[in-house]
Amino acid sequence: MDEQLSFEEGLNRLEKIVQTLETGGLTLEEALSLFEEGMHLAKICSERLDAAELKISQLQTAFEEAIENKGESPC
């Protein structure tokens, strides 16, 4: 699976896998293969969300520090 896969692409593929598994009619091997791919995609999507959350947190902290420092007079 591509590490360059976007979050949206991964999520869309994951949704298709879930639909296929819910529909049924697959052999055990096919279902296991799709389940494995889905778990890998879920991991990638989770990592992308964690990275985005960290970036947002860092940006908020930097913004708050900038606002606090703006109110201080230079020494």
N, C-alpha and C. Protein backbone atom coordinates (compact mmCIF):
# COMPACT_ATOMS: atom_id res chain seq x y z
N MET A 1 0.84 -1.18 0.00
CA MET A 1 0.00 0.00 0.00
C MET A 1 0.88 1.24 0.00
N ASP A 2 0.44 2.25 -0.69
CA ASP A 2 1.24 3.48 -0.84
C ASP A 2 1.27 4.30 0.43
N GLU A 3 2.47 4.71 0.80
CA GLU A 3 2.62 5.64 1.91
C GLU A 3 2.30 7.06 1.42
N GLN A 4 2.25 7.26 0.10
CA GLN A 4 1.94 8.57 -0.47
C GLN A 4 0.44 8.74 -0.70
N LEU A 5 -0.31 7.75 -0.33
CA LEU A 5 -1.76 7.78 -0.45
C LEU A 5 -2.30 8.91 0.44
N SER A 6 -3.17 9.74 -0.11
CA SER A 6 -3.74 10.82 0.71
C SER A 6 -4.73 10.24 1.71
N PHE A 7 -5.01 11.02 2.73
CA PHE A 7 -5.99 10.59 3.73
C PHE A 7 -7.33 10.29 3.06
N GLU A 8 -7.76 11.18 2.19
CA GLU A 8 -9.06 11.02 1.53
C GLU A 8 -9.09 9.77 0.66
N GLU A 9 -8.01 9.51 -0.07
CA GLU A 9 -7.95 8.31 -0.90
C GLU A 9 -7.99 7.05 -0.04
N GLY A 10 -7.25 7.07 1.05
CA GLY A 10 -7.23 5.93 1.95
C GLY A 10 -8.60 5.68 2.56
N LEU A 11 -9.25 6.75 2.99
CA LEU A 11 -10.57 6.63 3.60
C LEU A 11 -11.59 6.11 2.59
N ASN A 12 -11.53 6.62 1.36
CA ASN A 12 -12.46 6.15 0.32
C ASN A 12 -12.26 4.67 0.03
N ARG A 13 -11.01 4.25 -0.06
CA ARG A 13 -10.72 2.83 -0.31
C ARG A 13 -11.20 1.98 0.87
N LEU A 14 -10.97 2.48 2.06
CA LEU A 14 -11.41 1.76 3.26
C LEU A 14 -12.93 1.59 3.27
N GLU A 15 -13.65 2.64 2.89
CA GLU A 15 -15.11 2.56 2.83
C GLU A 15 -15.56 1.51 1.82
N LYS A 16 -14.88 1.44 0.67
CA LYS A 16 -15.23 0.44 -0.36
C LYS A 16 -14.96 -0.97 0.15
N ILE A 17 -13.87 -1.13 0.89
CA ILE A 17 -13.55 -2.45 1.45
C ILE A 17 -14.64 -2.88 2.43
N VAL A 18 -15.06 -1.96 3.29
CA VAL A 18 -16.11 -2.27 4.26
C VAL A 18 -17.39 -2.67 3.55
N GLN A 19 -17.77 -1.93 2.52
CA GLN A 19 -18.98 -2.26 1.77
C GLN A 19 -18.87 -3.64 1.14
N THR A 20 -17.72 -3.94 0.58
CA THR A 20 -17.51 -5.24 -0.06
C THR A 20 -17.60 -6.37 0.96
N LEU A 21 -16.98 -6.16 2.11
CA LEU A 21 -17.02 -7.18 3.16
C LEU A 21 -18.44 -7.36 3.70
N GLU A 22 -19.19 -6.28 3.82
CA GLU A 22 -20.56 -6.36 4.32
C GLU A 22 -21.48 -7.05 3.33
N THR A 23 -21.20 -6.88 2.04
CA THR A 23 -22.02 -7.50 1.01
C THR A 23 -21.90 -9.01 1.05
N GLY A 24 -20.70 -9.47 1.35
CA GLY A 24 -20.49 -10.91 1.44
C GLY A 24 -20.23 -11.54 0.08
N GLY A 25 -20.30 -12.85 0.04
CA GLY A 25 -20.09 -13.56 -1.20
C GLY A 25 -18.62 -13.74 -1.55
N LEU A 26 -17.75 -13.45 -0.62
CA LEU A 26 -16.32 -13.58 -0.87
C LEU A 26 -15.81 -14.91 -0.33
N THR A 27 -14.74 -15.37 -0.92
CA THR A 27 -14.09 -16.53 -0.34
C THR A 27 -13.38 -16.08 0.93
N LEU A 28 -13.01 -17.02 1.75
CA LEU A 28 -12.31 -16.69 2.98
C LEU A 28 -11.01 -15.97 2.66
N GLU A 29 -10.30 -16.42 1.65
CA GLU A 29 -9.04 -15.80 1.27
C GLU A 29 -9.23 -14.36 0.80
N GLU A 30 -10.28 -14.13 0.01
CA GLU A 30 -10.58 -12.77 -0.45
C GLU A 30 -10.93 -11.86 0.72
N ALA A 31 -11.76 -12.36 1.63
CA ALA A 31 -12.17 -11.57 2.78
C ALA A 31 -10.96 -11.25 3.66
N LEU A 32 -10.10 -12.23 3.88
CA LEU A 32 -8.90 -11.99 4.69
C LEU A 32 -7.98 -10.97 4.05
N SER A 33 -7.84 -11.06 2.74
CA SER A 33 -6.98 -10.12 2.02
C SER A 33 -7.53 -8.70 2.13
N LEU A 34 -8.83 -8.56 1.95
CA LEU A 34 -9.45 -7.24 2.07
C LEU A 34 -9.37 -6.72 3.51
N PHE A 35 -9.57 -7.61 4.47
CA PHE A 35 -9.48 -7.20 5.87
C PHE A 35 -8.07 -6.71 6.18
N GLU A 36 -7.07 -7.42 5.69
CA GLU A 36 -5.68 -7.02 5.91
C GLU A 36 -5.40 -5.66 5.28
N GLU A 37 -5.86 -5.47 4.05
CA GLU A 37 -5.69 -4.17 3.39
C GLU A 37 -6.39 -3.07 4.17
N GLY A 38 -7.59 -3.37 4.66
CA GLY A 38 -8.35 -2.39 5.43
C GLY A 38 -7.64 -2.00 6.71
N MET A 39 -7.06 -2.96 7.39
CA MET A 39 -6.32 -2.67 8.63
C MET A 39 -5.11 -1.78 8.33
N HIS A 40 -4.44 -2.06 7.22
CA HIS A 40 -3.29 -1.24 6.82
C HIS A 40 -3.74 0.19 6.50
N LEU A 41 -4.83 0.31 5.78
CA LEU A 41 -5.36 1.64 5.45
C LEU A 41 -5.81 2.39 6.70
N ALA A 42 -6.43 1.68 7.63
CA ALA A 42 -6.87 2.32 8.88
C ALA A 42 -5.66 2.86 9.64
N LYS A 43 -4.57 2.12 9.63
CA LYS A 43 -3.34 2.56 10.31
C LYS A 43 -2.79 3.82 9.64
N ILE A 44 -2.74 3.81 8.31
CA ILE A 44 -2.24 4.98 7.58
C ILE A 44 -3.12 6.20 7.85
N CYS A 45 -4.44 6.03 7.80
CA CYS A 45 -5.36 7.14 8.03
C CYS A 45 -5.21 7.66 9.46
N SER A 46 -5.07 6.77 10.42
CA SER A 46 -4.89 7.17 11.80
C SER A 46 -3.60 7.97 11.98
N GLU A 47 -2.54 7.53 11.34
CA GLU A 47 -1.27 8.25 11.42
C GLU A 47 -1.38 9.64 10.80
N ARG A 48 -2.11 9.73 9.68
CA ARG A 48 -2.30 11.04 9.03
C ARG A 48 -3.11 11.97 9.93
N LEU A 49 -4.14 11.43 10.58
CA LEU A 49 -4.95 12.25 11.50
C LEU A 49 -4.12 12.71 12.70
N ASP A 50 -3.30 11.81 13.24
CA ASP A 50 -2.44 12.17 14.36
C ASP A 50 -1.47 13.29 13.98
N ALA A 51 -0.90 13.18 12.78
CA ALA A 51 0.04 14.20 12.31
C ALA A 51 -0.66 15.55 12.12
N ALA A 52 -1.88 15.51 11.59
CA ALA A 52 -2.64 16.75 11.39
C ALA A 52 -2.99 17.37 12.74
N GLU A 53 -3.39 16.54 13.70
CA GLU A 53 -3.72 17.04 15.04
C GLU A 53 -2.51 17.67 15.71
N LEU A 54 -1.35 17.06 15.56
CA LEU A 54 -0.12 17.61 16.13
C LEU A 54 0.21 18.95 15.49
N LYS A 55 0.08 19.04 14.18
CA LYS A 55 0.38 20.29 13.49
C LYS A 55 -0.57 21.41 13.94
N ILE A 56 -1.84 21.08 14.07
CA ILE A 56 -2.82 22.07 14.52
C ILE A 56 -2.48 22.54 15.93
N SER A 57 -2.12 21.60 16.78
CA SER A 57 -1.74 21.94 18.15
C SER A 57 -0.52 22.86 18.18
N GLN A 58 0.47 22.56 17.35
CA GLN A 58 1.67 23.38 17.28
C GLN A 58 1.34 24.79 16.76
N LEU A 59 0.49 24.87 15.77
CA LEU A 59 0.09 26.17 15.22
C LEU A 59 -0.68 26.98 16.26
N GLN A 60 -1.56 26.33 16.99
CA GLN A 60 -2.32 27.04 18.03
C GLN A 60 -1.38 27.56 19.11
N THR A 61 -0.43 26.75 19.53
CA THR A 61 0.53 27.17 20.55
C THR A 61 1.35 28.35 20.06
N ALA A 62 1.84 28.27 18.82
CA ALA A 62 2.64 29.37 18.26
C ALA A 62 1.80 30.65 18.17
N PHE A 63 0.55 30.52 17.79
CA PHE A 63 -0.33 31.68 17.69
C PHE A 63 -0.57 32.29 19.06
N GLU A 64 -0.85 31.45 20.05
CA GLU A 64 -1.09 31.95 21.40
C GLU A 64 0.15 32.63 21.96
N GLU A 65 1.33 32.07 21.71
CA GLU A 65 2.57 32.69 22.17
C GLU A 65 2.80 34.03 21.48
N ALA A 66 2.48 34.11 20.20
CA ALA A 66 2.63 35.36 19.47
C ALA A 66 1.72 36.44 20.03
N ILE A 67 0.50 36.05 20.36
CA ILE A 67 -0.47 37.00 20.92
C ILE A 67 0.01 37.47 22.30
N GLU A 68 0.50 36.56 23.13
CA GLU A 68 0.98 36.92 24.46
C GLU A 68 2.19 37.84 24.38
N ASN A 69 3.11 37.55 23.46
CA ASN A 69 4.33 38.35 23.32
C ASN A 69 4.04 39.72 22.74
N LYS A 70 2.99 39.84 21.97
CA LYS A 70 2.63 41.13 21.37
C LYS A 70 2.25 42.13 22.44
N GLY A 71 1.66 41.65 23.52
CA GLY A 71 1.24 42.52 24.60
C GLY A 71 2.38 42.98 25.50
N GLU A 72 3.54 42.34 25.40
CA GLU A 72 4.68 42.71 26.24
C GLU A 72 5.43 43.88 25.65
N SER A 73 5.96 44.72 26.52
CA SER A 73 6.77 45.84 26.03
C SER A 73 8.22 45.39 25.95
N PRO A 74 8.97 45.84 24.91
CA PRO A 74 10.37 45.44 24.78
C PRO A 74 11.22 45.96 25.92
N CYS A 75 12.15 45.16 26.40
CA CYS A 75 13.02 45.56 27.51
C CYS A 75 14.36 46.03 27.03
